[in-house]
């Protein structure tokens, strides 16, 4: 856990993010959400990582037979 302080930047409050917690990319938008007394900071758009590489790892016959026998139970009417 790292400790830091808030400071004034113009008419806004600002917080210094310690180097060990800093984001690697400086050119990104962040979302700040308040949850009670806590502020949660996260990237505005989450990256999907190497999703195309993961898809490429599937065999050519993946799901060739479909999902198989997938019967759903009857539900009570609403």
N, C-alpha and C. Protein backbone atom coordinates (compact mmCIF):
# COMPACT_ATOMS: atom_id res chain seq x y z
N UNK A 1 0.85 -1.17 0.00
CA UNK A 1 0.00 0.00 0.00
C UNK A 1 0.90 1.23 0.00
N UNK A 2 0.56 2.19 -0.83
CA UNK A 2 1.32 3.43 -0.91
C UNK A 2 0.47 4.57 -0.36
N UNK A 3 1.12 5.56 0.21
CA UNK A 3 0.42 6.73 0.73
C UNK A 3 0.81 7.94 -0.10
N UNK A 4 -0.14 8.84 -0.30
CA UNK A 4 0.11 10.06 -1.05
C UNK A 4 -0.81 11.14 -0.50
N UNK A 5 -0.69 12.35 -1.00
CA UNK A 5 -1.52 13.46 -0.54
C UNK A 5 -2.23 14.09 -1.72
N UNK A 6 -3.33 14.76 -1.43
CA UNK A 6 -4.01 15.52 -2.46
C UNK A 6 -3.45 16.93 -2.47
N UNK A 7 -3.57 17.60 -3.60
CA UNK A 7 -3.14 18.99 -3.72
C UNK A 7 -4.06 19.71 -4.67
N UNK A 8 -3.95 21.02 -4.72
CA UNK A 8 -4.80 21.83 -5.58
C UNK A 8 -4.10 22.05 -6.91
N UNK A 9 -4.88 21.88 -7.98
CA UNK A 9 -4.41 22.14 -9.33
C UNK A 9 -5.47 23.02 -10.00
N UNK A 10 -5.27 24.32 -9.98
CA UNK A 10 -6.31 25.24 -10.45
C UNK A 10 -7.46 25.20 -9.47
N UNK A 11 -8.67 24.92 -9.96
CA UNK A 11 -9.84 24.82 -9.08
C UNK A 11 -10.18 23.36 -8.76
N UNK A 12 -9.31 22.43 -9.10
CA UNK A 12 -9.56 21.01 -8.89
C UNK A 12 -8.61 20.44 -7.85
N UNK A 13 -9.03 19.32 -7.27
CA UNK A 13 -8.11 18.55 -6.43
C UNK A 13 -7.37 17.59 -7.35
N UNK A 14 -6.15 17.30 -7.00
CA UNK A 14 -5.35 16.36 -7.76
C UNK A 14 -4.65 15.42 -6.79
N UNK A 15 -4.25 14.28 -7.28
CA UNK A 15 -3.53 13.32 -6.46
C UNK A 15 -2.33 12.82 -7.26
N UNK A 16 -1.22 12.71 -6.60
CA UNK A 16 0.00 12.18 -7.22
C UNK A 16 -0.05 10.66 -7.10
N UNK A 17 0.10 9.97 -8.21
CA UNK A 17 0.13 8.51 -8.18
C UNK A 17 1.59 8.09 -8.06
N UNK A 18 1.95 7.39 -6.99
CA UNK A 18 3.35 6.97 -6.81
C UNK A 18 3.83 6.11 -7.98
N UNK A 19 5.11 6.19 -8.26
CA UNK A 19 5.70 5.50 -9.41
C UNK A 19 5.39 4.00 -9.41
N UNK A 20 5.39 3.38 -8.24
CA UNK A 20 5.15 1.93 -8.21
C UNK A 20 3.72 1.55 -8.55
N UNK A 21 2.80 2.53 -8.54
CA UNK A 21 1.40 2.27 -8.90
C UNK A 21 0.99 2.93 -10.21
N UNK A 22 1.91 3.62 -10.86
CA UNK A 22 1.59 4.39 -12.06
C UNK A 22 1.19 3.49 -13.23
N UNK A 23 0.31 4.02 -14.06
CA UNK A 23 -0.05 3.33 -15.30
C UNK A 23 1.13 3.45 -16.26
N UNK A 24 1.34 2.44 -17.09
CA UNK A 24 2.45 2.46 -18.03
C UNK A 24 2.18 3.40 -19.20
N UNK A 25 0.93 3.50 -19.60
CA UNK A 25 0.55 4.35 -20.72
C UNK A 25 0.11 5.71 -20.18
N UNK A 26 0.73 6.77 -20.67
CA UNK A 26 0.39 8.12 -20.22
C UNK A 26 -0.72 8.73 -21.06
N UNK A 27 -1.00 8.17 -22.22
CA UNK A 27 -2.00 8.72 -23.13
C UNK A 27 -3.28 7.91 -23.05
N UNK A 28 -3.94 7.97 -21.90
CA UNK A 28 -5.17 7.22 -21.73
C UNK A 28 -6.13 8.02 -20.86
N UNK A 29 -7.41 7.80 -21.07
CA UNK A 29 -8.41 8.43 -20.23
C UNK A 29 -8.71 7.52 -19.06
N UNK A 30 -9.00 8.13 -17.94
CA UNK A 30 -9.33 7.38 -16.73
C UNK A 30 -10.75 7.70 -16.29
N UNK A 31 -11.36 6.76 -15.60
CA UNK A 31 -12.67 6.96 -14.98
C UNK A 31 -12.44 6.96 -13.48
N UNK A 32 -13.02 7.95 -12.80
CA UNK A 32 -12.94 8.02 -11.34
C UNK A 32 -14.35 7.87 -10.80
N UNK A 33 -14.56 6.90 -9.93
CA UNK A 33 -15.86 6.65 -9.33
C UNK A 33 -15.74 6.74 -7.82
N UNK A 34 -16.75 7.30 -7.21
CA UNK A 34 -16.79 7.37 -5.75
C UNK A 34 -17.64 6.21 -5.23
N UNK A 35 -17.09 5.50 -4.26
CA UNK A 35 -17.78 4.42 -3.55
C UNK A 35 -17.66 4.73 -2.06
N UNK A 36 -18.63 5.44 -1.52
CA UNK A 36 -18.54 5.87 -0.12
C UNK A 36 -17.40 6.85 0.04
N UNK A 37 -16.46 6.54 0.92
CA UNK A 37 -15.29 7.40 1.14
C UNK A 37 -14.13 7.06 0.22
N UNK A 38 -14.30 6.11 -0.68
CA UNK A 38 -13.21 5.67 -1.53
C UNK A 38 -13.39 6.18 -2.96
N UNK A 39 -12.28 6.45 -3.63
CA UNK A 39 -12.28 6.77 -5.04
C UNK A 39 -11.61 5.63 -5.79
N UNK A 40 -12.26 5.15 -6.83
CA UNK A 40 -11.71 4.07 -7.65
C UNK A 40 -11.31 4.66 -8.99
N UNK A 41 -10.08 4.46 -9.39
CA UNK A 41 -9.55 4.99 -10.64
C UNK A 41 -9.21 3.81 -11.54
N UNK A 42 -9.72 3.85 -12.78
CA UNK A 42 -9.45 2.76 -13.73
C UNK A 42 -9.43 3.33 -15.14
N UNK A 43 -8.82 2.60 -16.08
CA UNK A 43 -8.85 3.04 -17.48
C UNK A 43 -10.29 3.13 -17.98
N UNK A 44 -10.56 4.14 -18.82
CA UNK A 44 -11.92 4.34 -19.34
C UNK A 44 -12.34 3.17 -20.23
N UNK A 45 -11.43 2.65 -21.02
CA UNK A 45 -11.73 1.50 -21.86
C UNK A 45 -10.76 0.40 -21.52
N UNK A 46 -11.30 -0.73 -21.15
CA UNK A 46 -10.42 -1.85 -20.83
C UNK A 46 -9.94 -2.49 -22.12
N UNK A 47 -8.69 -2.83 -22.15
CA UNK A 47 -8.11 -3.43 -23.35
C UNK A 47 -8.45 -4.92 -23.38
N UNK A 48 -8.55 -5.44 -24.58
CA UNK A 48 -8.90 -6.84 -24.74
C UNK A 48 -7.66 -7.72 -24.82
N UNK A 49 -6.51 -7.11 -24.72
CA UNK A 49 -5.29 -7.90 -24.76
C UNK A 49 -5.09 -8.52 -26.13
N UNK A 50 -4.53 -9.68 -26.16
CA UNK A 50 -4.23 -10.37 -27.41
C UNK A 50 -5.38 -11.30 -27.77
N UNK A 51 -6.59 -10.77 -27.90
CA UNK A 51 -7.74 -11.62 -28.15
C UNK A 51 -7.67 -12.32 -29.51
N UNK A 52 -7.15 -11.64 -30.53
CA UNK A 52 -7.05 -12.28 -31.84
C UNK A 52 -6.07 -13.45 -31.79
N UNK A 53 -5.01 -13.30 -31.03
CA UNK A 53 -4.07 -14.39 -30.86
C UNK A 53 -4.70 -15.58 -30.14
N UNK A 54 -5.57 -15.27 -29.18
CA UNK A 54 -6.27 -16.34 -28.47
C UNK A 54 -7.23 -17.08 -29.39
N UNK A 55 -7.95 -16.32 -30.24
CA UNK A 55 -8.85 -16.97 -31.20
C UNK A 55 -8.06 -17.82 -32.19
N UNK A 56 -6.89 -17.36 -32.59
CA UNK A 56 -6.08 -18.10 -33.55
C UNK A 56 -5.61 -19.43 -32.96
N UNK A 57 -5.60 -19.55 -31.64
CA UNK A 57 -5.17 -20.78 -30.99
C UNK A 57 -6.20 -21.90 -31.04
N UNK A 58 -7.45 -21.58 -31.41
CA UNK A 58 -8.47 -22.63 -31.52
C UNK A 58 -8.22 -23.47 -32.77
N UNK A 59 -8.52 -24.75 -32.69
CA UNK A 59 -8.35 -25.62 -33.85
C UNK A 59 -9.42 -25.29 -34.89
N UNK A 60 -9.16 -25.68 -36.15
CA UNK A 60 -10.10 -25.36 -37.23
C UNK A 60 -11.43 -26.08 -37.06
N UNK A 61 -11.45 -27.19 -36.30
CA UNK A 61 -12.72 -27.91 -36.11
C UNK A 61 -13.39 -27.57 -34.76
N UNK A 62 -12.95 -26.51 -34.15
CA UNK A 62 -13.55 -26.09 -32.87
C UNK A 62 -15.03 -25.81 -33.07
N UNK A 63 -15.86 -26.41 -32.27
CA UNK A 63 -17.32 -26.27 -32.29
C UNK A 63 -17.93 -26.77 -33.61
N UNK A 64 -17.22 -27.62 -34.37
CA UNK A 64 -17.75 -28.13 -35.64
C UNK A 64 -19.03 -28.93 -35.42
N UNK A 65 -19.13 -29.57 -34.27
CA UNK A 65 -20.33 -30.37 -33.98
C UNK A 65 -21.36 -29.56 -33.20
N UNK A 66 -21.15 -28.29 -33.09
CA UNK A 66 -22.10 -27.45 -32.35
C UNK A 66 -21.88 -27.60 -30.85
N UNK A 67 -22.89 -27.26 -30.12
CA UNK A 67 -22.80 -27.31 -28.66
C UNK A 67 -23.21 -28.66 -28.09
N UNK A 68 -23.67 -29.54 -28.95
CA UNK A 68 -24.10 -30.84 -28.45
C UNK A 68 -25.53 -30.77 -27.92
N UNK A 69 -25.88 -31.75 -27.13
CA UNK A 69 -27.23 -31.82 -26.56
C UNK A 69 -27.34 -30.85 -25.40
N UNK A 70 -28.03 -29.78 -25.61
CA UNK A 70 -28.15 -28.78 -24.56
C UNK A 70 -29.62 -28.50 -24.32
N UNK A 71 -30.23 -29.32 -23.50
CA UNK A 71 -31.65 -29.14 -23.20
C UNK A 71 -31.79 -28.34 -21.92
N UNK A 72 -32.66 -27.35 -22.00
CA UNK A 72 -32.90 -26.53 -20.82
C UNK A 72 -34.12 -27.04 -20.08
N UNK A 73 -34.06 -26.92 -18.77
CA UNK A 73 -35.21 -27.29 -17.95
C UNK A 73 -36.33 -26.30 -18.16
N UNK A 74 -37.56 -26.79 -17.99
CA UNK A 74 -38.69 -25.88 -18.08
C UNK A 74 -38.71 -24.96 -16.88
N UNK A 75 -39.10 -23.74 -17.13
CA UNK A 75 -39.17 -22.75 -16.05
C UNK A 75 -40.61 -22.45 -15.71
N UNK A 76 -40.78 -22.03 -14.49
CA UNK A 76 -42.12 -21.63 -14.05
C UNK A 76 -42.48 -20.31 -14.75
N UNK A 77 -43.69 -20.20 -15.23
CA UNK A 77 -44.13 -18.98 -15.92
C UNK A 77 -44.14 -17.79 -14.96
N UNK A 78 -43.84 -16.65 -15.51
CA UNK A 78 -43.83 -15.43 -14.67
C UNK A 78 -45.22 -14.87 -14.56
